[in-house]
N, C-alpha and C. Protein backbone atom coordinates (compact mmCIF):
# COMPACT_ATOMS: atom_id res chain seq x y z
N MET A 1 109.98 -36.19 -8.02
CA MET A 1 110.25 -34.47 -9.18
C MET A 1 108.67 -33.74 -9.47
N SER A 2 108.35 -32.65 -9.80
CA SER A 2 107.31 -32.58 -10.04
C SER A 2 107.27 -31.16 -11.01
N ARG A 3 108.60 -30.75 -11.19
CA ARG A 3 109.39 -29.46 -12.27
C ARG A 3 110.85 -30.15 -12.72
N VAL A 4 110.55 -29.88 -13.66
CA VAL A 4 111.51 -30.05 -15.05
C VAL A 4 112.35 -28.26 -15.29
N LEU A 5 113.22 -27.83 -15.74
CA LEU A 5 113.53 -26.37 -16.82
C LEU A 5 113.57 -26.69 -17.83
N ILE A 6 112.64 -25.19 -18.59
CA ILE A 6 112.42 -25.58 -19.82
C ILE A 6 113.54 -24.42 -20.70
N THR A 7 113.88 -24.26 -21.20
CA THR A 7 114.89 -23.16 -22.41
C THR A 7 114.23 -23.07 -23.24
N ARG A 8 113.73 -22.52 -24.31
CA ARG A 8 113.73 -22.69 -26.11
C ARG A 8 114.87 -21.32 -26.48
N LEU A 9 115.96 -22.09 -27.65
CA LEU A 9 116.69 -21.61 -27.89
C LEU A 9 116.25 -20.53 -29.05
N PRO A 10 117.15 -19.93 -28.99
CA PRO A 10 117.16 -19.13 -30.53
C PRO A 10 116.29 -20.17 -31.87
N HIS A 11 117.06 -21.21 -32.15
CA HIS A 11 116.95 -21.68 -32.98
C HIS A 11 115.17 -22.45 -32.88
N GLY A 12 114.87 -22.37 -31.87
CA GLY A 12 113.03 -23.21 -30.70
C GLY A 12 112.42 -22.90 -31.63
N GLU A 13 112.38 -20.85 -31.78
CA GLU A 13 111.17 -20.57 -31.37
C GLU A 13 110.33 -20.99 -32.58
N GLY A 14 108.90 -21.08 -32.29
CA GLY A 14 108.05 -21.52 -32.64
C GLY A 14 107.55 -23.43 -32.41
N LEU A 15 108.33 -24.12 -32.12
CA LEU A 15 108.49 -25.29 -32.11
C LEU A 15 107.62 -25.67 -30.41
N PRO A 16 106.54 -26.38 -30.63
CA PRO A 16 105.79 -27.08 -29.19
C PRO A 16 106.64 -27.66 -28.75
N LEU A 17 106.20 -26.96 -27.34
CA LEU A 17 107.09 -27.55 -25.59
C LEU A 17 107.56 -29.18 -25.95
N PRO A 18 107.61 -30.17 -26.03
CA PRO A 18 108.12 -31.36 -25.15
C PRO A 18 106.66 -31.21 -24.63
N ALA A 19 106.12 -32.62 -24.92
CA ALA A 19 104.76 -32.65 -24.73
C ALA A 19 103.88 -34.54 -24.66
N ARG A 20 103.70 -34.61 -23.51
CA ARG A 20 102.53 -36.25 -23.66
C ARG A 20 101.73 -36.08 -24.49
N GLN A 21 101.58 -36.96 -25.67
CA GLN A 21 100.25 -37.51 -26.16
C GLN A 21 98.96 -37.67 -25.18
N THR A 22 98.54 -38.75 -24.40
CA THR A 22 98.17 -38.70 -23.79
C THR A 22 97.96 -38.26 -21.91
N PRO A 23 96.48 -38.98 -21.18
CA PRO A 23 97.25 -39.28 -19.59
C PRO A 23 97.95 -40.37 -19.73
N GLY A 24 98.38 -40.72 -20.11
CA GLY A 24 98.77 -42.61 -19.50
C GLY A 24 100.44 -42.56 -20.45
N ALA A 25 100.80 -41.51 -21.11
CA ALA A 25 101.76 -41.45 -21.90
C ALA A 25 103.36 -41.50 -21.01
N ALA A 26 104.02 -42.01 -20.94
CA ALA A 26 105.50 -42.14 -19.94
C ALA A 26 106.01 -40.78 -21.14
N GLY A 27 105.76 -40.90 -21.90
CA GLY A 27 107.28 -40.31 -22.94
C GLY A 27 106.64 -38.74 -23.54
N TYR A 28 107.75 -37.95 -23.13
CA TYR A 28 106.88 -36.48 -23.37
C TYR A 28 108.28 -35.88 -25.47
N ASP A 29 106.96 -35.99 -26.25
CA ASP A 29 107.29 -36.57 -28.01
C ASP A 29 108.41 -35.20 -28.12
N LEU A 30 109.60 -35.12 -28.47
CA LEU A 30 110.83 -34.08 -28.46
C LEU A 30 110.96 -34.47 -30.23
N SER A 31 110.56 -32.31 -30.61
CA SER A 31 110.69 -32.26 -32.44
C SER A 31 112.06 -32.06 -32.74
N SER A 32 112.46 -31.71 -34.33
CA SER A 32 113.53 -31.99 -34.32
C SER A 32 113.29 -30.35 -35.29
N ALA A 33 114.08 -29.12 -34.76
CA ALA A 33 114.64 -27.86 -35.11
C ALA A 33 115.00 -27.68 -35.89
N GLU A 34 115.48 -28.91 -36.80
CA GLU A 34 115.72 -28.71 -38.06
C GLU A 34 115.22 -29.73 -39.39
N ALA A 35 115.38 -29.51 -40.29
CA ALA A 35 115.52 -30.30 -41.30
C ALA A 35 116.59 -31.33 -41.84
N ALA A 36 116.10 -32.39 -42.94
CA ALA A 36 117.34 -33.70 -43.25
C ALA A 36 117.36 -34.47 -44.09
N GLU A 37 117.84 -33.79 -44.22
CA GLU A 37 116.91 -36.82 -45.46
C GLU A 37 117.84 -37.17 -44.77
N LEU A 38 116.71 -38.17 -44.37
CA LEU A 38 118.34 -39.32 -44.04
C LEU A 38 118.50 -40.77 -44.42
N ALA A 39 119.54 -40.66 -45.29
CA ALA A 39 119.76 -42.15 -46.44
C ALA A 39 119.72 -42.65 -45.39
N PRO A 40 119.44 -44.26 -46.16
CA PRO A 40 119.41 -45.65 -45.58
C PRO A 40 120.90 -45.72 -44.97
N PHE A 41 120.48 -46.38 -43.69
CA PHE A 41 122.14 -47.08 -43.15
C PHE A 41 122.97 -45.36 -42.66
N GLU A 42 122.30 -43.57 -43.32
CA GLU A 42 122.76 -42.96 -41.93
C GLU A 42 122.69 -42.51 -41.08
N ARG A 43 123.67 -42.11 -40.02
CA ARG A 43 123.79 -41.88 -38.63
C ARG A 43 123.54 -39.92 -39.05
N ARG A 44 123.05 -39.40 -38.01
CA ARG A 44 123.11 -37.74 -37.45
C ARG A 44 121.87 -37.36 -36.70
N LEU A 45 123.44 -36.77 -36.34
CA LEU A 45 122.61 -35.24 -35.33
C LEU A 45 121.59 -34.61 -35.45
N PHE A 46 120.53 -33.96 -35.01
CA PHE A 46 119.74 -33.11 -34.76
C PHE A 46 119.30 -32.31 -33.95
N ALA A 47 119.27 -31.05 -34.07
CA ALA A 47 119.31 -30.17 -32.50
C ALA A 47 117.69 -29.78 -32.46
N THR A 48 117.45 -29.78 -31.30
CA THR A 48 116.25 -30.36 -30.87
C THR A 48 115.34 -28.25 -30.76
N GLY A 49 116.62 -27.50 -30.18
CA GLY A 49 115.89 -26.24 -29.90
C GLY A 49 114.98 -25.98 -28.06
N PHE A 50 116.13 -27.04 -27.71
CA PHE A 50 115.93 -26.89 -25.65
C PHE A 50 116.50 -27.05 -25.55
N ALA A 51 116.80 -26.68 -24.31
CA ALA A 51 117.65 -27.43 -22.68
C ALA A 51 116.59 -27.24 -22.36
N ILE A 52 117.06 -28.16 -20.99
CA ILE A 52 116.64 -28.26 -19.36
C ILE A 52 117.15 -28.55 -18.73
N ALA A 53 116.93 -28.84 -17.02
CA ALA A 53 117.76 -28.61 -15.85
C ALA A 53 116.63 -29.52 -15.46
N LEU A 54 117.70 -30.79 -15.18
CA LEU A 54 117.60 -31.69 -14.16
C LEU A 54 116.83 -31.36 -12.63
N PRO A 55 116.31 -31.97 -12.25
CA PRO A 55 116.61 -32.21 -10.61
C PRO A 55 118.19 -32.71 -10.14
N GLU A 56 118.87 -32.99 -9.38
CA GLU A 56 119.86 -34.33 -8.92
C GLU A 56 119.65 -35.06 -8.71
N GLY A 57 119.72 -36.34 -9.07
CA GLY A 57 119.19 -37.38 -8.34
C GLY A 57 118.07 -38.19 -10.07
N TRP A 58 118.18 -37.22 -10.81
CA TRP A 58 117.26 -37.14 -11.68
C TRP A 58 118.01 -38.03 -12.60
N GLU A 59 117.14 -38.36 -14.27
CA GLU A 59 118.14 -38.07 -15.69
C GLU A 59 116.76 -38.33 -16.47
N CYS A 60 117.14 -38.10 -18.03
CA CYS A 60 116.56 -37.47 -18.37
C CYS A 60 116.05 -39.10 -19.69
N GLN A 61 115.95 -39.71 -20.12
CA GLN A 61 116.32 -40.54 -21.54
C GLN A 61 115.00 -40.25 -22.18
N LEU A 62 116.71 -40.65 -23.36
CA LEU A 62 115.68 -40.76 -24.89
C LEU A 62 115.53 -41.05 -26.14
N ARG A 63 114.43 -42.00 -26.40
CA ARG A 63 113.93 -43.47 -26.64
C ARG A 63 113.18 -42.55 -28.34
N PRO A 64 113.87 -43.81 -29.16
CA PRO A 64 112.67 -44.30 -30.01
C PRO A 64 111.35 -43.53 -29.88
N ARG A 65 110.34 -43.26 -30.97
CA ARG A 65 109.48 -43.14 -31.07
C ARG A 65 108.93 -44.48 -31.90
N SER A 66 107.98 -45.53 -31.25
CA SER A 66 107.70 -46.88 -32.30
C SER A 66 107.35 -46.20 -33.47
N GLY A 67 106.53 -45.25 -33.30
CA GLY A 67 105.69 -45.80 -34.52
C GLY A 67 107.26 -44.86 -36.43
N LEU A 68 107.38 -44.56 -35.78
CA LEU A 68 108.85 -44.49 -36.76
C LEU A 68 109.89 -45.12 -36.89
N ALA A 69 109.98 -46.24 -35.63
CA ALA A 69 110.65 -47.45 -36.17
C ALA A 69 110.08 -48.72 -37.04
N LEU A 70 109.23 -48.43 -36.23
CA LEU A 70 107.94 -49.53 -37.02
C LEU A 70 108.06 -49.73 -38.78
N ARG A 71 107.56 -48.22 -38.40
CA ARG A 71 106.94 -48.02 -40.49
C ARG A 71 107.69 -47.59 -41.14
N HIS A 72 109.19 -46.99 -40.27
CA HIS A 72 110.08 -46.30 -41.86
C HIS A 72 111.56 -46.64 -41.25
N GLY A 73 111.48 -47.55 -40.14
CA GLY A 73 113.21 -48.44 -39.06
C GLY A 73 113.96 -47.10 -39.09
N VAL A 74 113.37 -46.10 -38.57
CA VAL A 74 114.55 -45.08 -38.28
C VAL A 74 114.16 -44.51 -36.00
N THR A 75 115.31 -45.20 -35.86
CA THR A 75 115.20 -45.21 -34.38
C THR A 75 117.26 -44.79 -33.72
N LEU A 76 116.90 -44.56 -32.45
CA LEU A 76 118.21 -43.91 -31.79
C LEU A 76 119.02 -45.26 -32.04
N PRO A 77 120.67 -45.23 -31.87
CA PRO A 77 121.73 -46.15 -31.91
C PRO A 77 121.94 -45.79 -30.80
N ASN A 78 121.93 -45.24 -29.97
CA ASN A 78 122.03 -45.06 -28.76
C ASN A 78 120.74 -44.99 -27.58
N THR A 79 120.18 -45.84 -27.74
CA THR A 79 119.06 -46.14 -26.92
C THR A 79 119.36 -46.87 -25.76
N PRO A 80 118.18 -45.91 -24.43
CA PRO A 80 118.09 -45.35 -24.03
C PRO A 80 119.15 -43.96 -24.13
N ALA A 81 119.27 -43.27 -25.02
CA ALA A 81 120.61 -42.51 -24.30
C ALA A 81 120.19 -41.26 -23.58
N THR A 82 121.01 -41.12 -22.30
CA THR A 82 120.46 -40.90 -21.66
C THR A 82 120.96 -39.07 -20.89
N ILE A 83 120.48 -38.58 -20.38
CA ILE A 83 120.90 -36.58 -19.97
C ILE A 83 121.30 -36.52 -18.90
N ASP A 84 122.31 -36.49 -18.67
CA ASP A 84 122.23 -36.65 -16.96
C ASP A 84 121.92 -34.93 -15.71
N SER A 85 121.73 -35.00 -14.75
CA SER A 85 121.08 -33.86 -14.61
C SER A 85 122.06 -32.71 -14.74
N ASP A 86 124.04 -32.87 -14.77
CA ASP A 86 124.26 -31.32 -14.94
C ASP A 86 124.84 -30.90 -16.01
N TYR A 87 123.52 -31.79 -17.00
CA TYR A 87 124.29 -31.42 -18.72
C TYR A 87 123.30 -29.75 -18.70
N ARG A 88 123.34 -28.87 -19.03
CA ARG A 88 123.09 -28.15 -19.48
C ARG A 88 122.68 -27.47 -20.91
N GLY A 89 123.24 -28.36 -21.51
CA GLY A 89 123.36 -28.35 -23.58
C GLY A 89 121.90 -27.82 -23.80
N GLU A 90 122.30 -27.76 -25.22
CA GLU A 90 121.25 -28.19 -26.36
C GLU A 90 121.16 -30.17 -26.11
N LEU A 91 119.51 -30.63 -25.87
CA LEU A 91 119.15 -31.42 -26.42
C LEU A 91 119.41 -31.76 -27.30
N LYS A 92 119.67 -32.54 -28.29
CA LYS A 92 120.25 -33.46 -29.49
C LYS A 92 119.98 -34.88 -29.42
N VAL A 93 119.91 -35.22 -31.15
CA VAL A 93 118.79 -36.98 -30.72
C VAL A 93 119.97 -37.61 -31.64
N ALA A 94 120.11 -38.77 -32.09
CA ALA A 94 121.57 -38.63 -32.70
C ALA A 94 120.21 -40.28 -33.44
N LEU A 95 119.69 -39.63 -34.24
CA LEU A 95 119.23 -40.83 -34.83
C LEU A 95 119.74 -41.63 -36.12
N VAL A 96 119.30 -42.90 -36.60
CA VAL A 96 119.93 -43.79 -37.62
C VAL A 96 118.81 -44.30 -38.56
N ASN A 97 118.59 -43.96 -39.53
CA ASN A 97 117.58 -44.79 -40.67
C ASN A 97 118.35 -46.23 -40.67
N LEU A 98 117.16 -47.75 -40.82
CA LEU A 98 117.04 -49.19 -40.87
C LEU A 98 116.73 -49.09 -41.63
N GLY A 99 116.77 -47.95 -42.39
CA GLY A 99 114.73 -48.78 -44.24
C GLY A 99 115.91 -48.47 -44.54
N ALA A 100 114.84 -48.16 -45.65
CA ALA A 100 116.24 -49.09 -47.49
C ALA A 100 115.49 -47.56 -47.57
N GLU A 101 114.47 -47.61 -47.08
CA GLU A 101 114.61 -44.94 -47.97
C GLU A 101 114.71 -44.07 -47.33
N PRO A 102 115.56 -43.04 -48.05
CA PRO A 102 114.90 -42.11 -47.21
C PRO A 102 113.85 -41.73 -46.70
N PHE A 103 114.64 -40.81 -45.26
CA PHE A 103 113.63 -39.89 -44.73
C PHE A 103 113.74 -39.01 -44.40
N LEU A 104 112.50 -38.14 -44.58
CA LEU A 104 112.66 -36.57 -44.72
C LEU A 104 112.14 -36.82 -43.25
N VAL A 105 113.11 -35.65 -42.19
CA VAL A 105 112.70 -35.03 -41.67
C VAL A 105 112.73 -33.80 -40.95
N GLU A 106 111.34 -33.15 -41.58
CA GLU A 106 111.13 -32.04 -41.57
C GLU A 106 110.95 -31.14 -40.15
N ARG A 107 111.25 -29.60 -39.91
CA ARG A 107 111.89 -28.58 -38.46
C ARG A 107 109.65 -29.58 -38.11
N GLY A 108 109.94 -29.71 -37.10
CA GLY A 108 108.68 -30.04 -36.00
C GLY A 108 108.91 -31.79 -35.79
N THR A 109 109.32 -31.73 -37.10
CA THR A 109 108.64 -34.21 -36.84
C THR A 109 109.11 -33.76 -35.22
N ARG A 110 108.03 -34.84 -34.76
CA ARG A 110 108.59 -36.14 -33.62
C ARG A 110 110.26 -36.33 -33.64
N ILE A 111 110.83 -36.61 -33.38
CA ILE A 111 111.98 -37.52 -34.02
C ILE A 111 112.34 -38.97 -32.42
N ALA A 112 111.97 -37.71 -31.21
CA ALA A 112 112.00 -39.19 -30.27
C ALA A 112 111.11 -38.91 -29.32
N GLN A 113 111.34 -39.41 -27.68
CA GLN A 113 110.31 -39.22 -26.43
C GLN A 113 111.38 -39.15 -25.24
N MET A 114 111.09 -39.01 -23.90
CA MET A 114 112.52 -37.95 -23.02
C MET A 114 111.38 -38.83 -22.25
N VAL A 115 111.74 -39.68 -21.88
CA VAL A 115 111.55 -39.72 -19.66
C VAL A 115 112.17 -39.14 -18.76
N PHE A 116 111.03 -39.42 -18.41
CA PHE A 116 111.82 -38.47 -17.53
C PHE A 116 112.57 -40.21 -15.58
N ALA A 117 113.20 -40.56 -15.63
CA ALA A 117 113.57 -41.35 -14.10
C ALA A 117 114.55 -41.05 -12.98
N ARG A 118 114.28 -41.93 -11.71
CA ARG A 118 115.35 -41.23 -10.60
C ARG A 118 116.85 -42.21 -10.86
N VAL A 119 117.74 -41.97 -10.86
CA VAL A 119 118.97 -42.32 -10.28
C VAL A 119 119.16 -42.94 -9.56
N GLU A 120 119.56 -44.43 -9.17
CA GLU A 120 120.27 -44.23 -7.74
C GLU A 120 122.39 -44.28 -7.62
N ALA A 121 123.09 -44.08 -6.91
CA ALA A 121 124.54 -43.40 -7.27
C ALA A 121 124.20 -44.61 -5.63
N PRO A 122 124.46 -45.73 -5.78
CA PRO A 122 124.93 -46.73 -4.73
C PRO A 122 127.04 -46.18 -5.10
N ALA A 123 127.62 -46.83 -3.42
CA ALA A 123 128.82 -46.81 -3.66
C ALA A 123 128.90 -48.16 -4.06
N LEU A 124 130.59 -48.47 -5.03
CA LEU A 124 130.55 -49.35 -5.27
C LEU A 124 131.82 -50.18 -4.19
N VAL A 125 131.82 -51.93 -4.04
CA VAL A 125 132.59 -52.09 -2.65
C VAL A 125 133.01 -53.15 -3.52
N CYS A 126 134.51 -52.55 -4.11
CA CYS A 126 135.33 -54.05 -4.01
C CYS A 126 135.86 -55.19 -3.26
N VAL A 127 135.50 -56.94 -3.71
CA VAL A 127 135.65 -58.00 -2.55
C VAL A 127 136.35 -58.39 -3.98
N GLU A 128 136.96 -59.56 -2.90
CA GLU A 128 138.06 -60.45 -4.10
C GLU A 128 136.20 -61.61 -3.69
N ALA A 129 135.04 -61.67 -4.24
CA ALA A 129 135.15 -62.70 -4.21
C ALA A 129 133.05 -62.41 -4.57
N LEU A 130 131.92 -62.92 -5.05
CA LEU A 130 131.37 -61.91 -5.28
C LEU A 130 130.21 -63.03 -4.88
N PRO A 131 128.94 -63.27 -3.69
CA PRO A 131 128.16 -63.84 -2.96
C PRO A 131 127.68 -65.27 -4.72
N PRO A 132 127.20 -65.94 -4.07
CA PRO A 132 126.45 -67.33 -4.92
C PRO A 132 125.17 -67.51 -5.63
N SER A 133 125.04 -67.23 -6.66
CA SER A 133 123.35 -67.09 -7.46
C SER A 133 123.30 -68.49 -8.01
N THR A 134 121.49 -68.12 -7.77
CA THR A 134 121.51 -70.05 -8.56
C THR A 134 121.88 -70.12 -10.42
N ARG A 135 121.76 -68.85 -10.46
CA ARG A 135 122.04 -68.51 -12.44
C ARG A 135 124.17 -67.96 -12.21
N GLY A 136 124.66 -68.21 -11.83
CA GLY A 136 125.24 -67.78 -11.70
C GLY A 136 126.83 -67.07 -12.53
N THR A 137 126.85 -68.02 -13.77
CA THR A 137 128.09 -66.93 -14.53
C THR A 137 127.26 -66.86 -15.72
N GLY A 138 125.71 -67.69 -15.56
CA GLY A 138 125.42 -68.32 -17.52
C GLY A 138 125.12 -66.39 -17.27
N GLY A 139 125.34 -66.78 -18.95
CA GLY A 139 125.12 -65.00 -19.67
C GLY A 139 124.23 -65.28 -21.17
N PHE A 140 124.33 -64.40 -21.82
CA PHE A 140 123.50 -64.80 -23.13
C PHE A 140 122.89 -65.89 -23.40
N GLY A 141 121.13 -65.62 -23.97
CA GLY A 141 120.50 -67.15 -23.47
C GLY A 141 121.47 -68.53 -22.62
N SER A 142 121.53 -67.73 -21.54
CA SER A 142 121.82 -68.84 -20.32
C SER A 142 120.28 -69.25 -19.93
N THR A 143 119.78 -68.71 -19.88
CA THR A 143 118.61 -69.10 -19.32
C THR A 143 117.26 -69.37 -20.41
N GLY A 144 117.56 -70.12 -20.89
CA GLY A 144 116.19 -71.39 -22.55
C GLY A 144 116.18 -70.01 -23.51
N ARG A 145 114.79 -70.75 -24.04
CA ARG A 145 114.10 -69.62 -24.36
C ARG A 145 112.91 -69.19 -24.03
């Protein structure tokens, strides 16, 4: 994939395009198009002022920004959020404040990052039994510490 089409919506005027902050960064920082205070333990959807068109076979994952999570407890409740290749609506970011203090999101605050990834669509094959493995049916915590 070499191109993702992006359009700026009217309320996104003046906001920077999502961008990587360093050449080695995997994520493109995405800013809020609106201002609001996020109370402790409050969840809210924030508009970004942008919409994208991904090539078929790709997804855009929305992920938390590590600095917001560490310093303020602000993260995404559904991380990673998936933007499908056939979605053409506005990119919106669900944020939750897990911190003890209110967090002010100002217009232009970088609130999430976008990471692009290939998506496979394998055929599901229903069988009577699955082949055995070393792990078997051991689940959460079954491989030790």
